[in-house]
Amino acid sequence: SFSCFRQEFVNLYIDYVFNKAVEKSFRQFHAGFMRVCGGRVMKLFKAHELMSVVVGNEEYDWNVLEENAEYKNGYTCGDQTIRWFWEVFHELPLEEKKKFLLFLTGCDRIPIMGMKAIKIFIQPTPDDKFLPVAHTCFNLLDLPQYQTKEKLKYKLLQAIQQTQGFSLV
């Protein structure tokens, strides 16, 4: 029947997209990975541990991120803009916080050492017409001195919605 053929087509297409189309690239990646990490090293890890090492984990502790933040070029933890920033940040849903992490660091995962391994820097920029700017190589956020918490939230969300990061998986 048509339904059987359609299901077979879908199954074959999925197999092609996820297996056959990437088979050559995967074999090359696998060979390189095994050359570097293979043998006895692989036996030291369980699958989920290896994934944490290679990709990072998702054990977020957002308070640690705030505690590790450093302020530069005139900002201090007591500045109104900084207080608003952290209020806005902590009010965001998880997915938006992960987008911010991606925006600022280039990755939405946590290093194997945990959130304490992520050191972020926040510095002021004079013109509040602009969006916040992230320098991912330095985990540096240029955060304009917005006049209201609402404007800060609006501009921050605009900035993180337009982000594209780096990931392995």
C-alpha atoms as a PDB file:
ATOM      1  CA  SER A   1       0.000   0.000   0.000  1.00  0.00           C
ATOM      2  CA  PHE A   2       0.957   3.637  -0.386  1.00  0.00           C
ATOM      3  CA  SER A   3       1.345   4.011   3.368  1.00  0.00           C
ATOM      4  CA  CYS A   4       3.980   1.242   3.480  1.00  0.00           C
ATOM      5  CA  PHE A   5       5.956   2.796   0.619  1.00  0.00           C
ATOM      6  CA  ARG A   6       5.805   6.197   2.271  1.00  0.00           C
ATOM      7  CA  GLN A   7       7.075   4.777   5.571  1.00  0.00           C
ATOM      8  CA  GLU A   8       9.876   2.920   3.768  1.00  0.00           C
ATOM      9  CA  PHE A   9      10.840   6.125   1.933  1.00  0.00           C
ATOM     10  CA  VAL A  10      10.928   8.067   5.209  1.00  0.00           C
ATOM     11  CA  ASN A  11      13.066   5.368   6.850  1.00  0.00           C
ATOM     12  CA  LEU A  12      15.503   5.263   3.916  1.00  0.00           C
ATOM     13  CA  TYR A  13      15.700   9.056   3.808  1.00  0.00           C
ATOM     14  CA  ILE A  14      16.439   9.283   7.534  1.00  0.00           C
ATOM     15  CA  ASP A  15      19.104   6.597   7.176  1.00  0.00           C
ATOM     16  CA  TYR A  16      20.670   8.530   4.301  1.00  0.00           C
ATOM     17  CA  VAL A  17      20.682  11.907   6.079  1.00  0.00           C
ATOM     18  CA  PHE A  18      21.981  10.670   9.434  1.00  0.00           C
ATOM     19  CA  ASN A  19      24.225   7.797   8.314  1.00  0.00           C
ATOM     20  CA  LYS A  20      25.183   7.445   4.659  1.00  0.00           C
ATOM     21  CA  ALA A  21      25.569  11.145   3.787  1.00  0.00           C
ATOM     22  CA  VAL A  22      28.034  11.716   6.636  1.00  0.00           C
ATOM     23  CA  GLU A  23      29.714   8.305   6.647  1.00  0.00           C
ATOM     24  CA  LYS A  24      32.973   9.416   4.976  1.00  0.00           C
ATOM     25  CA  SER A  25      33.325  12.494   7.194  1.00  0.00           C
ATOM     26  CA  PHE A  26      32.472  10.497  10.293  1.00  0.00           C
ATOM     27  CA  ARG A  27      35.053   7.812   9.475  1.00  0.00           C
ATOM     28  CA  GLN A  28      37.740  10.507   9.146  1.00  0.00           C
ATOM     29  CA  PHE A  29      36.658  12.162  12.399  1.00  0.00           C
ATOM     30  CA  HIS A  30      36.559   8.788  14.163  1.00  0.00           C
ATOM     31  CA  ALA A  31      40.056   7.878  12.932  1.00  0.00           C
ATOM     32  CA  GLY A  32      41.486  11.212  14.117  1.00  0.00           C
ATOM     33  CA  PHE A  33      39.671  11.064  17.429  1.00  0.00           C
ATOM     34  CA  MET A  34      40.862   7.519  18.099  1.00  0.00           C
ATOM     35  CA  ARG A  35      44.422   8.486  17.165  1.00  0.00           C
ATOM     36  CA  VAL A  36      44.391  11.231  19.794  1.00  0.00           C
ATOM     37  CA  CYS A  37      42.096   9.794  22.449  1.00  0.00           C
ATOM     38  CA  GLY A  38      41.842   6.111  21.646  1.00  0.00           C
ATOM     39  CA  GLY A  39      43.217   3.051  23.327  1.00  0.00           C
ATOM     40  CA  ARG A  40      43.579   3.030  27.084  1.00  0.00           C
ATOM     41  CA  VAL A  41      42.408   6.624  27.450  1.00  0.00           C
ATOM     42  CA  MET A  42      38.938   5.662  26.202  1.00  0.00           C
ATOM     43  CA  LYS A  43      38.662   2.990  28.879  1.00  0.00           C
ATOM     44  CA  LEU A  44      39.055   5.632  31.596  1.00  0.00           C
ATOM     45  CA  PHE A  45      35.693   7.228  30.761  1.00  0.00           C
ATOM     46  CA  LYS A  46      32.070   6.212  30.689  1.00  0.00           C
ATOM     47  CA  ALA A  47      30.106   7.549  27.703  1.00  0.00           C
ATOM     48  CA  HIS A  48      28.492  10.422  29.643  1.00  0.00           C
ATOM     49  CA  GLU A  49      31.879  11.422  31.126  1.00  0.00           C
ATOM     50  CA  LEU A  50      33.475  11.513  27.694  1.00  0.00           C
ATOM     51  CA  MET A  51      30.610  13.642  26.432  1.00  0.00           C
ATOM     52  CA  SER A  52      31.161  16.101  29.302  1.00  0.00           C
ATOM     53  CA  VAL A  53      34.859  16.339  28.465  1.00  0.00           C
ATOM     54  CA  VAL A  54      34.316  16.860  24.737  1.00  0.00           C
ATOM     55  CA  VAL A  55      31.075  18.840  24.644  1.00  0.00           C
ATOM     56  CA  GLY A  56      30.666  20.228  28.165  1.00  0.00           C
ATOM     57  CA  ASN A  57      27.794  19.699  30.551  1.00  0.00           C
ATOM     58  CA  GLU A  58      24.559  21.405  31.469  1.00  0.00           C
ATOM     59  CA  GLU A  59      24.961  21.772  35.230  1.00  0.00           C
ATOM     60  CA  TYR A  60      24.213  25.475  35.390  1.00  0.00           C
ATOM     61  CA  ASP A  61      24.716  27.502  38.549  1.00  0.00           C
ATOM     62  CA  TRP A  62      23.920  31.033  37.463  1.00  0.00           C
ATOM     63  CA  ASN A  63      24.782  32.525  40.853  1.00  0.00           C
ATOM     64  CA  VAL A  64      28.365  31.304  40.418  1.00  0.00           C
ATOM     65  CA  LEU A  65      28.486  33.062  37.040  1.00  0.00           C
ATOM     66  CA  GLU A  66      27.480  36.306  38.761  1.00  0.00           C
ATOM     67  CA  GLU A  67      29.944  35.769  41.620  1.00  0.00           C
ATOM     68  CA  ASN A  68      32.794  35.220  39.134  1.00  0.00           C
ATOM     69  CA  ALA A  69      32.005  38.318  37.083  1.00  0.00           C
ATOM     70  CA  GLU A  70      34.558  41.118  37.040  1.00  0.00           C
ATOM     71  CA  TYR A  71      33.793  44.702  36.201  1.00  0.00           C
ATOM     72  CA  LYS A  72      36.175  46.888  34.224  1.00  0.00           C
ATOM     73  CA  ASN A  73      36.766  50.457  33.133  1.00  0.00           C
ATOM     74  CA  GLY A  74      34.458  52.110  35.627  1.00  0.00           C
ATOM     75  CA  TYR A  75      31.764  49.543  36.323  1.00  0.00           C
ATOM     76  CA  THR A  76      31.459  48.094  39.823  1.00  0.00           C
ATOM     77  CA  CYS A  77      29.088  45.473  41.206  1.00  0.00           C
ATOM     78  CA  GLY A  78      27.120  48.277  42.873  1.00  0.00           C
ATOM     79  CA  ASP A  79      26.368  50.284  39.719  1.00  0.00           C
ATOM     80  CA  GLN A  80      22.698  50.598  38.796  1.00  0.00           C
ATOM     81  CA  THR A  81      23.279  49.183  35.306  1.00  0.00           C
ATOM     82  CA  ILE A  82      25.041  46.137  36.740  1.00  0.00           C
ATOM     83  CA  ARG A  83      22.302  45.547  39.321  1.00  0.00           C
ATOM     84  CA  TRP A  84      19.666  45.815  36.585  1.00  0.00           C
ATOM     85  CA  PHE A  85      21.675  43.492  34.367  1.00  0.00           C
ATOM     86  CA  TRP A  86      21.775  40.719  36.982  1.00  0.00           C
ATOM     87  CA  GLU A  87      18.108  41.234  37.894  1.00  0.00           C
ATOM     88  CA  VAL A  88      17.159  40.888  34.217  1.00  0.00           C
ATOM     89  CA  PHE A  89      19.482  37.940  33.746  1.00  0.00           C
ATOM     90  CA  HIS A  90      18.156  35.980  36.724  1.00  0.00           C
ATOM     91  CA  GLU A  91      14.556  36.611  35.579  1.00  0.00           C
ATOM     92  CA  LEU A  92      15.232  35.049  32.161  1.00  0.00           C
ATOM     93  CA  PRO A  93      14.021  31.528  31.404  1.00  0.00           C
ATOM     94  CA  LEU A  94      16.688  28.821  31.128  1.00  0.00           C
ATOM     95  CA  GLU A  95      16.779  28.856  27.320  1.00  0.00           C
ATOM     96  CA  GLU A  96      17.428  32.614  27.263  1.00  0.00           C
ATOM     97  CA  LYS A  97      20.194  32.259  29.858  1.00  0.00           C
ATOM     98  CA  LYS A  98      21.801  29.575  27.699  1.00  0.00           C
ATOM     99  CA  LYS A  99      21.538  31.909  24.691  1.00  0.00           C
ATOM    100  CA  PHE A 100      23.282  34.604  26.727  1.00  0.00           C
ATOM    101  CA  LEU A 101      26.062  32.163  27.604  1.00  0.00           C
ATOM    102  CA  LEU A 102      26.372  31.296  23.916  1.00  0.00           C
ATOM    103  CA  PHE A 103      26.373  35.007  23.032  1.00  0.00           C
ATOM    104  CA  LEU A 104      29.110  35.832  25.534  1.00  0.00           C
ATOM    105  CA  THR A 105      31.358  32.766  25.402  1.00  0.00           C
ATOM    106  CA  GLY A 106      30.548  31.116  22.071  1.00  0.00           C
ATOM    107  CA  CYS A 107      29.235  27.972  23.779  1.00  0.00           C
ATOM    108  CA  ASP A 108      26.088  27.248  25.777  1.00  0.00           C
ATOM    109  CA  ARG A 109      27.654  24.353  27.692  1.00  0.00           C
ATOM    110  CA  ILE A 110      29.619  24.347  30.926  1.00  0.00           C
ATOM    111  CA  PRO A 111      33.294  23.299  31.012  1.00  0.00           C
ATOM    112  CA  ILE A 112      34.066  20.093  32.875  1.00  0.00           C
ATOM    113  CA  MET A 113      35.370  22.157  35.834  1.00  0.00           C
ATOM    114  CA  GLY A 114      31.917  23.748  36.225  1.00  0.00           C
ATOM    115  CA  MET A 115      30.605  27.308  36.184  1.00  0.00           C
ATOM    116  CA  LYS A 116      33.464  28.515  38.366  1.00  0.00           C
ATOM    117  CA  ALA A 117      35.726  27.997  35.331  1.00  0.00           C
ATOM    118  CA  ILE A 118      33.820  30.669  33.405  1.00  0.00           C
ATOM    119  CA  LYS A 119      35.150  34.143  34.158  1.00  0.00           C
ATOM    120  CA  ILE A 120      33.198  36.953  32.522  1.00  0.00           C
ATOM    121  CA  PHE A 121      34.064  40.624  32.287  1.00  0.00           C
ATOM    122  CA  ILE A 122      31.607  43.496  31.904  1.00  0.00           C
ATOM    123  CA  GLN A 123      32.619  47.001  30.877  1.00  0.00           C
ATOM    124  CA  PRO A 124      30.596  50.122  30.083  1.00  0.00           C
ATOM    125  CA  THR A 125      30.097  51.713  26.707  1.00  0.00           C
ATOM    126  CA  PRO A 126      28.830  55.273  26.531  1.00  0.00           C
ATOM    127  CA  ASP A 127      25.966  55.221  24.021  1.00  0.00           C
ATOM    128  CA  ASP A 128      22.790  53.440  25.069  1.00  0.00           C
ATOM    129  CA  LYS A 129      21.451  53.446  21.490  1.00  0.00           C
ATOM    130  CA  PHE A 130      23.532  50.347  20.851  1.00  0.00           C
ATOM    131  CA  LEU A 131      23.054  46.713  21.756  1.00  0.00           C
ATOM    132  CA  PRO A 132      25.386  44.967  24.175  1.00  0.00           C
ATOM    133  CA  VAL A 133      28.411  43.544  22.348  1.00  0.00           C
ATOM    134  CA  ALA A 134      30.185  40.306  23.257  1.00  0.00           C
ATOM    135  CA  HIS A 135      33.864  39.593  22.642  1.00  0.00           C
ATOM    136  CA  THR A 136      33.750  35.803  22.878  1.00  0.00           C
ATOM    137  CA  CYS A 137      37.527  35.278  22.910  1.00  0.00           C
ATOM    138  CA  PHE A 138      37.724  37.229  26.168  1.00  0.00           C
ATOM    139  CA  ASN A 139      34.247  36.559  27.662  1.00  0.00           C
ATOM    140  CA  LEU A 140      33.920  40.336  27.642  1.00  0.00           C
ATOM    141  CA  LEU A 141      30.551  42.099  27.516  1.00  0.00           C
ATOM    142  CA  ASP A 142      30.349  45.721  26.434  1.00  0.00           C
ATOM    143  CA  LEU A 143      27.213  46.829  28.265  1.00  0.00           C
ATOM    144  CA  PRO A 144      25.927  50.346  27.593  1.00  0.00           C
ATOM    145  CA  GLN A 145      24.732  52.374  30.561  1.00  0.00           C
ATOM    146  CA  TYR A 146      21.018  52.131  29.814  1.00  0.00           C
ATOM    147  CA  GLN A 147      18.673  54.631  31.430  1.00  0.00           C
ATOM    148  CA  THR A 148      16.058  52.042  32.447  1.00  0.00           C
ATOM    149  CA  LYS A 149      15.925  48.365  33.368  1.00  0.00           C
ATOM    150  CA  GLU A 150      13.297  47.829  30.653  1.00  0.00           C
ATOM    151  CA  LYS A 151      15.578  49.231  27.950  1.00  0.00           C
ATOM    152  CA  LEU A 152      18.456  47.077  29.204  1.00  0.00           C
ATOM    153  CA  LYS A 153      16.258  43.977  29.017  1.00  0.00           C
ATOM    154  CA  TYR A 154      14.981  44.840  25.542  1.00  0.00           C
ATOM    155  CA  LYS A 155      18.472  45.497  24.147  1.00  0.00           C
ATOM    156  CA  LEU A 156      19.992  42.439  25.847  1.00  0.00           C
ATOM    157  CA  LEU A 157      17.298  40.147  24.458  1.00  0.00           C
ATOM    158  CA  GLN A 158      17.767  41.645  20.993  1.00  0.00           C
ATOM    159  CA  ALA A 159      21.495  40.953  21.188  1.00  0.00           C
ATOM    160  CA  ILE A 160      21.233  37.363  22.392  1.00  0.00           C
ATOM    161  CA  GLN A 161      18.511  36.472  19.876  1.00  0.00           C
ATOM    162  CA  GLN A 162      20.920  37.250  17.039  1.00  0.00           C
ATOM    163  CA  THR A 163      23.776  35.116  18.305  1.00  0.00           C
ATOM    164  CA  GLN A 164      25.505  32.190  16.666  1.00  0.00           C
ATOM    165  CA  GLY A 165      28.107  30.289  18.595  1.00  0.00           C
ATOM    166  CA  PHE A 166      30.595  27.479  18.235  1.00  0.00           C
ATOM    167  CA  SER A 167      29.864  23.907  19.168  1.00  0.00           C
ATOM    168  CA  LEU A 168      31.022  20.408  18.371  1.00  0.00           C
ATOM    169  CA  VAL A 169      27.694  18.620  18.646  1.00  0.00           C
END
